[in-house]
Amino acid sequence: MKTMTFTDAMQSGLHEEMQRDARIIVLGEDVKLSPYGYTRGLDEAFPGRVRNTPIAEQTTIGAALGAAMCGLRPVVDLMMGNFFYTGWDQLANQVAKLRYMTGGQFSVPAVFVSTYGAGGNVAAQHSDVPYPQMMNLAGVKIVVPSTPYDAKGLFKAAIREDNPVVFLAPVSLVDDEEEIPEEEYLFPLGKAKIGRQGSDITLAAIGAMLPRALQAADQVEARGWSVEVIDLCTLNPLDAPTILDSVSKTGRLVVVDEARQLCSVASEVAALTVEQAFRHLKAPVLRVTAANVPVPFSPPLEDYVIPGVDRIVDALQRVMLNGSK
C-alpha cells in the first residue's frame, strides 16, 4: 500500500494506462506543467504523447474527437469544470452524438477530465458543478469519485471505456490522502458504492459531499438513528438498483448534491425514488443542494451557499421526524 493524494492517484492510474496502451495521448492547457498534478511527469515518461494546447477548449475537444475517430484514445485535461462551457458545442453536438448518428460506425473512446466545484474561493466562473447539464446530453458517461482509491480505479476504467467519459474531480478533495494498493485494480463505471451500512435513513451523496455526509451520519447516529450512506460515483449511467434497494430497506431518503437544486442530480434521484419506490417511503424525500445562485467569491458566502454538515444533519433529523421539526 502507498499513501497518495487524490490527484496523485489519478496520475498513477493515467501513467499505468499509458504504459499499457500506446494509443493513449494527453491533450490540454498546461498539461506538461500540470497545475493540479494528475498529468505531471507524463511528458518525460511518454515523449510525443503529451501535448499542451492553446486556451481554446472547443478546438481541443474537437481535436480529441478526431483523434478518437482515427484510433487513438485521448485524455483531455480541461482543468476546471466551467471550462467545459467554452467547448460545449463540440461536447454536446459532436462527441455525445457521433456514435449514435453513425450507427456505431465510429466510437469516441475519449476521457474529458477536470476539477469542479467550490472550495477554492475562485468565484463563480471557476466553481460551477457542470454534471447536471452533461447528464441531459445522452451519449456521455459521467464519473465523480470521492476518494483517492476510487479516483484511480474509476480513471483507469474510464480510459478503457469505448464511449466518451467526463471525469470530474472535486476541487475541495484534491489534497485528500488515502492508502492505495500497489497491484492493479479498476472500479466499474455505473456502480454506486455503499460507504456505510444503515437501516433507518438512506443518505446519497456525490463527490465532495461524501465526507460531509459521513460526518453528518456520525452526528445523527449519536441519537440512535442508523444512516446508510451511498456514494453515487457514476452519474450516467446512474445506479438505480442500489438506490432503490437501500430506500426499500430504510424507507427514508436524503440526497446531498453540490449542484444547484434546480434540475440537479438530487432532483433526479428524488424523482426516481418517488416513481419506483413510493410504497416504501415513510417520509418525503429531502434534497440538500447549493442555492440557486452563482458561487460567491467571499469565503463565508461560499460556505453558506454550498451544503455543509449542519444542513445535512438538519435534513436527516427532519426526514426521521417524518418531515417536521
C-alpha atoms as a PDB file:
ATOM      1  CA  MET A   1       0.000   0.000   0.000  1.00  0.00           C
ATOM      2  CA  LYS A   2       1.132   3.526  -0.760  1.00  0.00           C
ATOM      3  CA  THR A   3      -0.339   6.777   0.557  1.00  0.00           C
ATOM      4  CA  MET A   4      -1.447   9.051  -2.299  1.00  0.00           C
ATOM      5  CA  THR A   5      -3.389  12.247  -2.688  1.00  0.00           C
ATOM      6  CA  PHE A   6      -6.465  12.333  -4.897  1.00  0.00           C
ATOM      7  CA  THR A   7      -4.526  13.780  -7.826  1.00  0.00           C
ATOM      8  CA  ASP A   8      -1.508  11.521  -7.248  1.00  0.00           C
ATOM      9  CA  ALA A   9      -3.866   8.555  -7.517  1.00  0.00           C
ATOM     10  CA  MET A  10      -5.222   9.909 -10.804  1.00  0.00           C
ATOM     11  CA  GLN A  11      -1.684  10.446 -12.113  1.00  0.00           C
ATOM     12  CA  SER A  12      -0.722   6.908 -11.120  1.00  0.00           C
ATOM     13  CA  GLY A  13      -3.740   5.482 -12.929  1.00  0.00           C
ATOM     14  CA  LEU A  14      -3.077   7.508 -16.077  1.00  0.00           C
ATOM     15  CA  HIS A  15       0.616   6.551 -16.059  1.00  0.00           C
ATOM     16  CA  GLU A  16      -0.276   2.862 -15.779  1.00  0.00           C
ATOM     17  CA  GLU A  17      -2.760   3.100 -18.634  1.00  0.00           C
ATOM     18  CA  MET A  18      -0.307   4.947 -20.893  1.00  0.00           C
ATOM     19  CA  GLN A  19       2.246   2.203 -20.236  1.00  0.00           C
ATOM     20  CA  ARG A  20      -0.357  -0.421 -21.091  1.00  0.00           C
ATOM     21  CA  ASP A  21      -1.736   1.178 -24.280  1.00  0.00           C
ATOM     22  CA  ALA A  22       0.369   3.232 -26.708  1.00  0.00           C
ATOM     23  CA  ARG A  23      -2.804   4.683 -28.268  1.00  0.00           C
ATOM     24  CA  ILE A  24      -3.457   6.865 -25.208  1.00  0.00           C
ATOM     25  CA  ILE A  25      -2.487  10.515 -25.642  1.00  0.00           C
ATOM     26  CA  VAL A  26      -2.935  13.523 -23.355  1.00  0.00           C
ATOM     27  CA  LEU A  27      -4.082  16.952 -24.533  1.00  0.00           C
ATOM     28  CA  GLY A  28      -4.845  20.136 -22.640  1.00  0.00           C
ATOM     29  CA  GLU A  29      -3.809  23.524 -21.353  1.00  0.00           C
ATOM     30  CA  ASP A  30      -0.577  23.332 -19.352  1.00  0.00           C
ATOM     31  CA  VAL A  31      -0.643  19.527 -19.184  1.00  0.00           C
ATOM     32  CA  LYS A  32       3.155  19.457 -19.117  1.00  0.00           C
ATOM     33  CA  LEU A  33       3.228  21.791 -16.108  1.00  0.00           C
ATOM     34  CA  SER A  34       0.025  20.268 -14.645  1.00  0.00           C
ATOM     35  CA  PRO A  35      -1.311  22.756 -12.069  1.00  0.00           C
ATOM     36  CA  TYR A  36      -3.319  20.044 -10.273  1.00  0.00           C
ATOM     37  CA  GLY A  37      -0.731  17.298 -10.731  1.00  0.00           C
ATOM     38  CA  TYR A  38      -2.566  14.495 -12.489  1.00  0.00           C
ATOM     39  CA  THR A  39      -0.552  14.866 -15.734  1.00  0.00           C
ATOM     40  CA  ARG A  40       2.756  15.810 -14.090  1.00  0.00           C
ATOM     41  CA  GLY A  41       5.798  13.914 -15.367  1.00  0.00           C
ATOM     42  CA  LEU A  42       3.970  12.200 -18.214  1.00  0.00           C
ATOM     43  CA  ASP A  43       5.669  14.293 -20.908  1.00  0.00           C
ATOM     44  CA  GLU A  44       9.079  12.946 -19.864  1.00  0.00           C
ATOM     45  CA  ALA A  45       7.810   9.392 -19.483  1.00  0.00           C
ATOM     46  CA  PHE A  46       5.946   9.328 -22.811  1.00  0.00           C
ATOM     47  CA  PRO A  47       7.618  11.711 -25.290  1.00  0.00           C
ATOM     48  CA  GLY A  48       5.357  12.970 -28.049  1.00  0.00           C
ATOM     49  CA  ARG A  49       2.168  11.689 -26.422  1.00  0.00           C
ATOM     50  CA  VAL A  50       1.509  14.694 -24.170  1.00  0.00           C
ATOM     51  CA  ARG A  51       0.649  17.981 -25.901  1.00  0.00           C
ATOM     52  CA  ASN A  52      -0.021  21.441 -24.500  1.00  0.00           C
ATOM     53  CA  THR A  53      -2.924  23.110 -26.299  1.00  0.00           C
ATOM     54  CA  PRO A  54      -3.980  26.752 -26.679  1.00  0.00           C
ATOM     55  CA  ILE A  55      -6.641  28.297 -24.440  1.00  0.00           C
ATOM     56  CA  ALA A  56      -9.295  27.121 -26.884  1.00  0.00           C
ATOM     57  CA  GLU A  57     -11.438  24.390 -25.358  1.00  0.00           C
ATOM     58  CA  GLN A  58     -13.684  23.959 -28.378  1.00  0.00           C
ATOM     59  CA  THR A  59     -10.636  23.291 -30.562  1.00  0.00           C
ATOM     60  CA  THR A  60      -9.111  20.899 -28.034  1.00  0.00           C
ATOM     61  CA  ILE A  61     -12.294  18.844 -27.643  1.00  0.00           C
ATOM     62  CA  GLY A  62     -12.710  18.799 -31.420  1.00  0.00           C
ATOM     63  CA  ALA A  63      -9.121  17.616 -31.884  1.00  0.00           C
ATOM     64  CA  ALA A  64      -9.710  14.844 -29.342  1.00  0.00           C
ATOM     65  CA  LEU A  65     -12.857  13.807 -31.188  1.00  0.00           C
ATOM     66  CA  GLY A  66     -10.938  13.493 -34.459  1.00  0.00           C
ATOM     67  CA  ALA A  67      -8.103  11.612 -32.772  1.00  0.00           C
ATOM     68  CA  ALA A  68     -10.560   9.163 -31.199  1.00  0.00           C
ATOM     69  CA  MET A  69     -12.280   8.579 -34.548  1.00  0.00           C
ATOM     70  CA  CYS A  70      -8.884   7.745 -36.055  1.00  0.00           C
ATOM     71  CA  GLY A  71      -7.978   5.105 -33.473  1.00  0.00           C
ATOM     72  CA  LEU A  72      -6.294   6.996 -30.632  1.00  0.00           C
ATOM     73  CA  ARG A  73      -7.623   7.186 -27.065  1.00  0.00           C
ATOM     74  CA  PRO A  74      -7.242  10.802 -25.944  1.00  0.00           C
ATOM     75  CA  VAL A  75      -7.398  12.062 -22.370  1.00  0.00           C
ATOM     76  CA  VAL A  76      -8.262  15.767 -22.384  1.00  0.00           C
ATOM     77  CA  ASP A  77      -7.461  17.926 -19.359  1.00  0.00           C
ATOM     78  CA  LEU A  78      -9.837  20.910 -19.227  1.00  0.00           C
ATOM     79  CA  MET A  79      -8.572  21.980 -15.804  1.00  0.00           C
ATOM     80  CA  MET A  80     -11.826  23.444 -14.347  1.00  0.00           C
ATOM     81  CA  GLY A  81     -15.441  22.419 -14.785  1.00  0.00           C
ATOM     82  CA  ASN A  82     -16.540  25.837 -16.044  1.00  0.00           C
ATOM     83  CA  PHE A  83     -14.175  25.497 -18.992  1.00  0.00           C
ATOM     84  CA  PHE A  84     -16.414  22.796 -20.452  1.00  0.00           C
ATOM     85  CA  TYR A  85     -18.847  25.588 -21.323  1.00  0.00           C
ATOM     86  CA  THR A  86     -16.469  27.144 -23.852  1.00  0.00           C
ATOM     87  CA  GLY A  87     -16.140  23.757 -25.582  1.00  0.00           C
ATOM     88  CA  TRP A  88     -19.809  22.877 -25.214  1.00  0.00           C
ATOM     89  CA  ASP A  89     -20.690  22.706 -28.910  1.00  0.00           C
ATOM     90  CA  GLN A  90     -18.091  20.014 -29.596  1.00  0.00           C
ATOM     91  CA  LEU A  91     -19.011  18.023 -26.488  1.00  0.00           C
ATOM     92  CA  ALA A  92     -22.795  18.283 -26.826  1.00  0.00           C
ATOM     93  CA  ASN A  93     -23.295  18.238 -30.593  1.00  0.00           C
ATOM     94  CA  GLN A  94     -20.425  16.023 -31.724  1.00  0.00           C
ATOM     95  CA  VAL A  95     -18.775  13.911 -29.015  1.00  0.00           C
ATOM     96  CA  ALA A  96     -22.037  12.881 -27.345  1.00  0.00           C
ATOM     97  CA  LYS A  97     -23.883  12.080 -30.571  1.00  0.00           C
ATOM     98  CA  LEU A  98     -21.371  10.739 -33.080  1.00  0.00           C
ATOM     99  CA  ARG A  99     -21.615   7.031 -32.254  1.00  0.00           C
ATOM    100  CA  TYR A 100     -25.413   7.149 -32.362  1.00  0.00           C
ATOM    101  CA  MET A 101     -25.614   9.213 -35.569  1.00  0.00           C
ATOM    102  CA  THR A 102     -23.191   6.920 -37.410  1.00  0.00           C
ATOM    103  CA  GLY A 103     -24.984   3.764 -36.321  1.00  0.00           C
ATOM    104  CA  GLY A 104     -21.929   2.625 -34.413  1.00  0.00           C
ATOM    105  CA  GLN A 105     -19.523   3.027 -37.334  1.00  0.00           C
ATOM    106  CA  PHE A 106     -17.433   5.387 -35.179  1.00  0.00           C
ATOM    107  CA  SER A 107     -16.827   5.382 -31.445  1.00  0.00           C
ATOM    108  CA  VAL A 108     -15.295   8.085 -29.275  1.00  0.00           C
ATOM    109  CA  PRO A 109     -13.047   6.456 -26.649  1.00  0.00           C
ATOM    110  CA  ALA A 110     -12.046   9.753 -25.032  1.00  0.00           C
ATOM    111  CA  VAL A 111     -11.939  10.998 -21.432  1.00  0.00           C
ATOM    112  CA  PHE A 112     -12.546  14.663 -20.617  1.00  0.00           C
ATOM    113  CA  VAL A 113     -11.242  15.427 -17.150  1.00  0.00           C
ATOM    114  CA  SER A 114     -11.364  18.485 -14.904  1.00  0.00           C
ATOM    115  CA  THR A 115     -11.794  19.575 -11.338  1.00  0.00           C
ATOM    116  CA  TYR A 116     -15.145  21.047 -10.369  1.00  0.00           C
ATOM    117  CA  GLY A 117     -16.973  22.835  -7.611  1.00  0.00           C
ATOM    118  CA  ALA A 118     -16.386  25.229  -4.733  1.00  0.00           C
ATOM    119  CA  GLY A 119     -13.732  25.190  -2.064  1.00  0.00           C
ATOM    120  CA  GLY A 120     -11.006  27.341  -3.564  1.00  0.00           C
ATOM    121  CA  ASN A 121     -12.684  30.753  -3.308  1.00  0.00           C
ATOM    122  CA  VAL A 122     -12.118  31.346  -7.014  1.00  0.00           C
ATOM    123  CA  ALA A 123     -15.570  32.807  -7.715  1.00  0.00           C
ATOM    124  CA  ALA A 124     -18.460  31.986  -9.995  1.00  0.00           C
ATOM    125  CA  GLN A 125     -16.582  31.454 -13.282  1.00  0.00           C
ATOM    126  CA  HIS A 126     -14.360  28.749 -11.755  1.00  0.00           C
ATOM    127  CA  SER A 127     -16.597  27.000  -9.191  1.00  0.00           C
ATOM    128  CA  ASP A 128     -19.533  25.504 -11.083  1.00  0.00           C
ATOM    129  CA  VAL A 129     -20.846  21.939 -10.924  1.00  0.00           C
ATOM    130  CA  PRO A 130     -21.491  21.087 -14.603  1.00  0.00           C
ATOM    131  CA  TYR A 131     -22.667  17.486 -14.372  1.00  0.00           C
ATOM    132  CA  PRO A 132     -26.460  18.152 -14.420  1.00  0.00           C
ATOM    133  CA  GLN A 133     -26.199  19.648 -17.917  1.00  0.00           C
ATOM    134  CA  MET A 134     -23.981  16.800 -19.057  1.00  0.00           C
ATOM    135  CA  MET A 135     -26.383  14.140 -17.796  1.00  0.00           C
ATOM    136  CA  ASN A 136     -29.025  15.507 -20.144  1.00  0.00           C
ATOM    137  CA  LEU A 137     -26.855  15.088 -23.258  1.00  0.00           C
ATOM    138  CA  ALA A 138     -27.205  11.303 -23.665  1.00  0.00           C
ATOM    139  CA  GLY A 139     -24.144   9.549 -25.056  1.00  0.00           C
ATOM    140  CA  VAL A 140     -21.644  10.718 -22.412  1.00  0.00           C
ATOM    141  CA  LYS A 141     -20.807   8.788 -19.250  1.00  0.00           C
ATOM    142  CA  ILE A 142     -20.128  10.892 -16.152  1.00  0.00           C
ATOM    143  CA  VAL A 143     -17.885   9.888 -13.268  1.00  0.00           C
ATOM    144  CA  VAL A 144     -17.477  11.761  -9.958  1.00  0.00           C
ATOM    145  CA  PRO A 145     -15.153   9.995  -7.470  1.00  0.00           C
ATOM    146  CA  SER A 146     -14.956  10.992  -3.822  1.00  0.00           C
ATOM    147  CA  THR A 147     -11.784   9.243  -2.579  1.00  0.00           C
ATOM    148  CA  PRO A 148      -8.258   8.734  -3.942  1.00  0.00           C
ATOM    149  CA  TYR A 149      -8.858   4.958  -4.147  1.00  0.00           C
ATOM    150  CA  ASP A 150     -11.983   5.424  -6.243  1.00  0.00           C
ATOM    151  CA  ALA A 151     -10.343   8.169  -8.317  1.00  0.00           C
ATOM    152  CA  LYS A 152      -7.627   5.811  -9.548  1.00  0.00           C
ATOM    153  CA  GLY A 153      -9.938   2.858 -10.172  1.00  0.00           C
ATOM    154  CA  LEU A 154     -12.573   4.939 -11.942  1.00  0.00           C
ATOM    155  CA  PHE A 155      -9.993   6.849 -14.012  1.00  0.00           C
ATOM    156  CA  LYS A 156      -8.487   3.609 -15.314  1.00  0.00           C
ATOM    157  CA  ALA A 157     -11.949   2.239 -16.103  1.00  0.00           C
ATOM    158  CA  ALA A 158     -12.907   5.484 -17.871  1.00  0.00           C
ATOM    159  CA  ILE A 159      -9.788   5.357 -20.046  1.00  0.00           C
ATOM    160  CA  ARG A 160     -10.646   1.796 -21.141  1.00  0.00           C
ATOM    161  CA  GLU A 161     -14.261   2.718 -21.946  1.00  0.00           C
ATOM    162  CA  ASP A 162     -15.152   2.849 -25.653  1.00  0.00           C
ATOM    163  CA  ASN A 163     -17.664   5.679 -25.128  1.00  0.00           C
ATOM    164  CA  PRO A 164     -16.841   9.258 -24.139  1.00  0.00           C
ATOM    165  CA  VAL A 165     -16.485   9.818 -20.402  1.00  0.00           C
ATOM    166  CA  VAL A 166     -16.463  13.042 -18.410  1.00  0.00           C
ATOM    167  CA  PHE A 167     -14.361  12.589 -15.273  1.00  0.00           C
ATOM    168  CA  LEU A 168     -14.907  15.290 -12.646  1.00  0.00           C
ATOM    169  CA  ALA A 169     -12.611  15.543  -9.615  1.00  0.00           C
ATOM    170  CA  PRO A 170     -13.944  17.596  -6.648  1.00  0.00           C
ATOM    171  CA  VAL A 171     -11.555  20.514  -6.224  1.00  0.00           C
ATOM    172  CA  SER A 172     -12.055  20.553  -2.459  1.00  0.00           C
ATOM    173  CA  LEU A 173     -10.753  16.959  -2.194  1.00  0.00           C
ATOM    174  CA  VAL A 174      -7.670  17.087  -4.450  1.00  0.00           C
ATOM    175  CA  ASP A 175      -5.275  17.055  -1.471  1.00  0.00           C
ATOM    176  CA  ASP A 176      -7.074  14.267   0.418  1.00  0.00           C
ATOM    177  CA  GLU A 177      -4.849  11.248   1.099  1.00  0.00           C
ATOM    178  CA  GLU A 178      -5.544   7.528   1.237  1.00  0.00           C
ATOM    179  CA  GLU A 179      -3.641   4.270   1.047  1.00  0.00           C
ATOM    180  CA  ILE A 180      -3.718   2.846  -2.478  1.00  0.00           C
ATOM    181  CA  PRO A 181      -2.925  -0.796  -3.363  1.00  0.00           C
ATOM    182  CA  GLU A 182       0.182  -1.304  -5.447  1.00  0.00           C
ATOM    183  CA  GLU A 183      -1.464  -4.030  -7.511  1.00  0.00           C
ATOM    184  CA  GLU A 184      -3.742  -3.043 -10.395  1.00  0.00           C
ATOM    185  CA  TYR A 185      -7.458  -2.552  -9.794  1.00  0.00           C
ATOM    186  CA  LEU A 186     -10.397  -0.919 -11.585  1.00  0.00           C
ATOM    187  CA  PHE A 187     -13.689   0.404 -10.206  1.00  0.00           C
ATOM    188  CA  PRO A 188     -16.534  -0.296 -12.659  1.00  0.00           C
ATOM    189  CA  LEU A 189     -18.445   2.566 -14.242  1.00  0.00           C
ATOM    190  CA  GLY A 190     -22.160   2.663 -13.474  1.00  0.00           C
ATOM    191  CA  LYS A 191     -21.916   1.266  -9.943  1.00  0.00           C
ATOM    192  CA  ALA A 192     -22.623   3.158  -6.741  1.00  0.00           C
ATOM    193  CA  LYS A 193     -20.800   2.301  -3.531  1.00  0.00           C
ATOM    194  CA  ILE A 194     -22.205   1.750  -0.046  1.00  0.00           C
ATOM    195  CA  GLY A 195     -19.944   3.922   2.091  1.00  0.00           C
ATOM    196  CA  ARG A 196     -21.690   2.974   5.317  1.00  0.00           C
ATOM    197  CA  GLN A 197     -24.383   0.437   6.191  1.00  0.00           C
ATOM    198  CA  GLY A 198     -27.559   1.593   7.927  1.00  0.00           C
ATOM    199  CA  SER A 199     -31.205   0.785   8.471  1.00  0.00           C
ATOM    200  CA  ASP A 200     -33.181   3.984   9.226  1.00  0.00           C
ATOM    201  CA  ILE A 201     -32.237   6.545   6.544  1.00  0.00           C
ATOM    202  CA  THR A 202     -30.595   6.393   3.111  1.00  0.00           C
ATOM    203  CA  LEU A 203     -28.215   9.307   2.540  1.00  0.00           C
ATOM    204  CA  ALA A 204     -26.999   9.564  -1.079  1.00  0.00           C
ATOM    205  CA  ALA A 205     -24.044  11.848  -1.782  1.00  0.00           C
ATOM    206  CA  ILE A 206     -21.919  12.921  -4.745  1.00  0.00           C
ATOM    207  CA  GLY A 207     -18.201  13.708  -4.865  1.00  0.00           C
ATOM    208  CA  ALA A 208     -17.185  16.389  -2.378  1.00  0.00           C
ATOM    209  CA  MET A 209     -20.402  15.886  -0.440  1.00  0.00           C
ATOM    210  CA  LEU A 210     -19.486  12.336   0.643  1.00  0.00           C
ATOM    211  CA  PRO A 211     -17.133  13.300   3.529  1.00  0.00           C
ATOM    212  CA  ARG A 212     -19.750  15.759   4.785  1.00  0.00           C
ATOM    213  CA  ALA A 213     -22.449  13.101   4.520  1.00  0.00           C
ATOM    214  CA  LEU A 214     -20.358  10.682   6.588  1.00  0.00           C
ATOM    215  CA  GLN A 215     -19.758  13.363   9.245  1.00  0.00           C
ATOM    216  CA  ALA A 216     -23.481  14.108   9.382  1.00  0.00           C
ATOM    217  CA  ALA A 217     -24.237  10.385   9.700  1.00  0.00           C
ATOM    218  CA  ASP A 218     -21.874  10.188  12.679  1.00  0.00           C
ATOM    219  CA  GLN A 219     -23.705  13.039  14.379  1.00  0.00           C
ATOM    220  CA  VAL A 220     -27.225  11.668  13.994  1.00  0.00           C
ATOM    221  CA  GLU A 221     -26.184   8.144  14.912  1.00  0.00           C
ATOM    222  CA  ALA A 222     -25.343   9.532  18.341  1.00  0.00           C
ATOM    223  CA  ARG A 223     -29.131   9.918  18.643  1.00  0.00           C
ATOM    224  CA  GLY A 224     -29.645   6.261  17.814  1.00  0.00           C
ATOM    225  CA  TRP A 225     -30.518   6.659  14.115  1.00  0.00           C
ATOM    226  CA  SER A 226     -28.789   4.337  11.658  1.00  0.00           C
ATOM    227  CA  VAL A 227     -27.799   6.009   8.374  1.00  0.00           C
ATOM    228  CA  GLU A 228     -26.870   4.163   5.188  1.00  0.00           C
ATOM    229  CA  VAL A 229     -24.562   6.344   3.057  1.00  0.00           C
ATOM    230  CA  ILE A 230     -24.404   5.798  -0.725  1.00  0.00           C
ATOM    231  CA  ASP A 231     -21.606   7.272  -2.827  1.00  0.00           C
ATOM    232  CA  LEU A 232     -23.157   7.577  -6.290  1.00  0.00           C
ATOM    233  CA  CYS A 233     -19.716   7.532  -8.053  1.00  0.00           C
ATOM    234  CA  THR A 234     -21.138   7.403 -11.604  1.00  0.00           C
ATOM    235  CA  LEU A 235     -23.963   9.781 -12.518  1.00  0.00           C
ATOM    236  CA  ASN A 236     -24.582   8.492 -16.024  1.00  0.00           C
ATOM    237  CA  PRO A 237     -25.455   5.659 -16.032  1.00  0.00           C
ATOM    238  CA  LEU A 238     -26.972   6.090 -12.576  1.00  0.00           C
ATOM    239  CA  ASP A 239     -27.024   3.002 -10.362  1.00  0.00           C
ATOM    240  CA  ALA A 240     -30.775   2.991  -9.718  1.00  0.00           C
ATOM    241  CA  PRO A 241     -30.903  -0.550  -8.244  1.00  0.00           C
ATOM    242  CA  THR A 242     -28.527   0.329  -5.392  1.00  0.00           C
ATOM    243  CA  ILE A 243     -30.519   3.468  -4.540  1.00  0.00           C
ATOM    244  CA  LEU A 244     -33.886   1.731  -4.686  1.00  0.00           C
ATOM    245  CA  ASP A 245     -32.720  -1.313  -2.731  1.00  0.00           C
ATOM    246  CA  SER A 246     -31.458   0.940   0.039  1.00  0.00           C
ATOM    247  CA  VAL A 247     -34.646   3.022   0.156  1.00  0.00           C
ATOM    248  CA  SER A 248     -36.791  -0.113   0.230  1.00  0.00           C
ATOM    249  CA  LYS A 249     -34.859  -1.102   3.368  1.00  0.00           C
ATOM    250  CA  THR A 250     -34.798   2.271   5.172  1.00  0.00           C
ATOM    251  CA  GLY A 251     -37.956   3.980   3.907  1.00  0.00           C
ATOM    252  CA  ARG A 252     -36.306   7.387   4.012  1.00  0.00           C
ATOM    253  CA  LEU A 253     -34.036   9.288   1.606  1.00  0.00           C
ATOM    254  CA  VAL A 254     -31.911  12.430   1.754  1.00  0.00           C
ATOM    255  CA  VAL A 255     -29.792  13.386  -1.282  1.00  0.00           C
ATOM    256  CA  VAL A 256     -26.803  15.730  -0.954  1.00  0.00           C
ATOM    257  CA  ASP A 257     -25.649  17.430  -4.144  1.00  0.00           C
ATOM    258  CA  GLU A 258     -23.226  20.340  -4.625  1.00  0.00           C
ATOM    259  CA  ALA A 259     -25.103  21.344  -7.783  1.00  0.00           C
ATOM    260  CA  ARG A 260     -27.891  23.920  -7.599  1.00  0.00           C
ATOM    261  CA  GLN A 261     -31.247  22.418  -6.716  1.00  0.00           C
ATOM    262  CA  LEU A 262     -32.994  23.258  -9.994  1.00  0.00           C
ATOM    263  CA  CYS A 263     -32.588  20.248 -12.332  1.00  0.00           C
ATOM    264  CA  SER A 264     -29.933  18.752 -10.039  1.00  0.00           C
ATOM    265  CA  VAL A 265     -28.902  15.117  -9.649  1.00  0.00           C
ATOM    266  CA  ALA A 266     -30.633  15.318  -6.273  1.00  0.00           C
ATOM    267  CA  SER A 267     -33.861  16.124  -8.112  1.00  0.00           C
ATOM    268  CA  GLU A 268     -33.383  13.167 -10.492  1.00  0.00           C
ATOM    269  CA  VAL A 269     -32.705  10.743  -7.641  1.00  0.00           C
ATOM    270  CA  ALA A 270     -35.720  12.076  -5.739  1.00  0.00           C
ATOM    271  CA  ALA A 271     -37.982  11.646  -8.791  1.00  0.00           C
ATOM    272  CA  LEU A 272     -36.634   8.161  -9.464  1.00  0.00           C
ATOM    273  CA  THR A 273     -37.348   7.136  -5.870  1.00  0.00           C
ATOM    274  CA  VAL A 274     -40.868   8.549  -5.808  1.00  0.00           C
ATOM    275  CA  GLU A 275     -41.695   6.859  -9.132  1.00  0.00           C
ATOM    276  CA  GLN A 276     -40.276   3.438  -8.311  1.00  0.00           C
ATOM    277  CA  ALA A 277     -40.177   3.115  -4.520  1.00  0.00           C
ATOM    278  CA  PHE A 278     -43.056   5.280  -3.310  1.00  0.00           C
ATOM    279  CA  ARG A 279     -44.721   2.465  -1.388  1.00  0.00           C
ATOM    280  CA  HIS A 280     -41.589   2.059   0.742  1.00  0.00           C
ATOM    281  CA  LEU A 281     -41.330   5.731   1.750  1.00  0.00           C
ATOM    282  CA  LYS A 282     -42.130   6.654   5.341  1.00  0.00           C
ATOM    283  CA  ALA A 283     -41.347  10.358   4.844  1.00  0.00           C
ATOM    284  CA  PRO A 284     -40.879  12.853   1.990  1.00  0.00           C
ATOM    285  CA  VAL A 285     -37.587  12.720   0.108  1.00  0.00           C
ATOM    286  CA  LEU A 286     -35.397  15.704   1.006  1.00  0.00           C
ATOM    287  CA  ARG A 287     -32.725  17.382  -1.135  1.00  0.00           C
ATOM    288  CA  VAL A 288     -29.723  19.255   0.272  1.00  0.00           C
ATOM    289  CA  THR A 289     -28.155  21.293  -2.528  1.00  0.00           C
ATOM    290  CA  ALA A 290     -26.385  24.528  -3.350  1.00  0.00           C
ATOM    291  CA  ALA A 291     -28.541  27.617  -3.542  1.00  0.00           C
ATOM    292  CA  ASN A 292     -29.799  28.685  -6.978  1.00  0.00           C
ATOM    293  CA  VAL A 293     -27.213  31.472  -7.235  1.00  0.00           C
ATOM    294  CA  PRO A 294     -23.705  31.789  -8.724  1.00  0.00           C
ATOM    295  CA  VAL A 295     -20.973  30.649  -6.324  1.00  0.00           C
ATOM    296  CA  PRO A 296     -19.727  33.739  -4.432  1.00  0.00           C
ATOM    297  CA  PHE A 297     -16.066  34.757  -4.187  1.00  0.00           C
ATOM    298  CA  SER A 298     -16.363  35.603  -0.475  1.00  0.00           C
ATOM    299  CA  PRO A 299     -15.277  32.611   1.657  1.00  0.00           C
ATOM    300  CA  PRO A 300     -18.126  32.986   4.207  1.00  0.00           C
ATOM    301  CA  LEU A 301     -20.694  33.361   1.433  1.00  0.00           C
ATOM    302  CA  GLU A 302     -19.260  30.383  -0.446  1.00  0.00           C
ATOM    303  CA  ASP A 303     -19.605  28.279   2.705  1.00  0.00           C
ATOM    304  CA  TYR A 304     -23.191  29.490   3.114  1.00  0.00           C
ATOM    305  CA  VAL A 305     -24.205  28.594  -0.449  1.00  0.00           C
ATOM    306  CA  ILE A 306     -22.659  25.094  -0.523  1.00  0.00           C
ATOM    307  CA  PRO A 307     -24.208  22.298   1.587  1.00  0.00           C
ATOM    308  CA  GLY A 308     -22.440  21.856   4.904  1.00  0.00           C
ATOM    309  CA  VAL A 309     -22.630  19.221   7.628  1.00  0.00           C
ATOM    310  CA  ASP A 310     -25.171  21.221   9.669  1.00  0.00           C
ATOM    311  CA  ARG A 311     -27.614  21.403   6.754  1.00  0.00           C
ATOM    312  CA  ILE A 312     -27.282  17.670   6.135  1.00  0.00           C
ATOM    313  CA  VAL A 313     -27.861  16.904   9.822  1.00  0.00           C
ATOM    314  CA  ASP A 314     -30.954  19.114   9.781  1.00  0.00           C
ATOM    315  CA  ALA A 315     -32.347  17.243   6.759  1.00  0.00           C
ATOM    316  CA  LEU A 316     -31.687  13.868   8.388  1.00  0.00           C
ATOM    317  CA  GLN A 317     -33.469  14.992  11.524  1.00  0.00           C
ATOM    318  CA  ARG A 318     -36.462  16.275   9.560  1.00  0.00           C
ATOM    319  CA  VAL A 319     -36.821  13.136   7.462  1.00  0.00           C
ATOM    320  CA  MET A 320     -36.509  10.966  10.563  1.00  0.00           C
ATOM    321  CA  LEU A 321     -39.253  13.003  12.225  1.00  0.00           C
ATOM    322  CA  ASN A 322     -41.421  12.466   9.132  1.00  0.00           C
ATOM    323  CA  GLY A 323     -40.711  15.834   7.538  1.00  0.00           C
ATOM    324  CA  SER A 324     -41.486  18.045  10.525  1.00  0.00           C
ATOM    325  CA  LYS A 325     -39.235  19.609  13.121  1.00  0.00           C
END
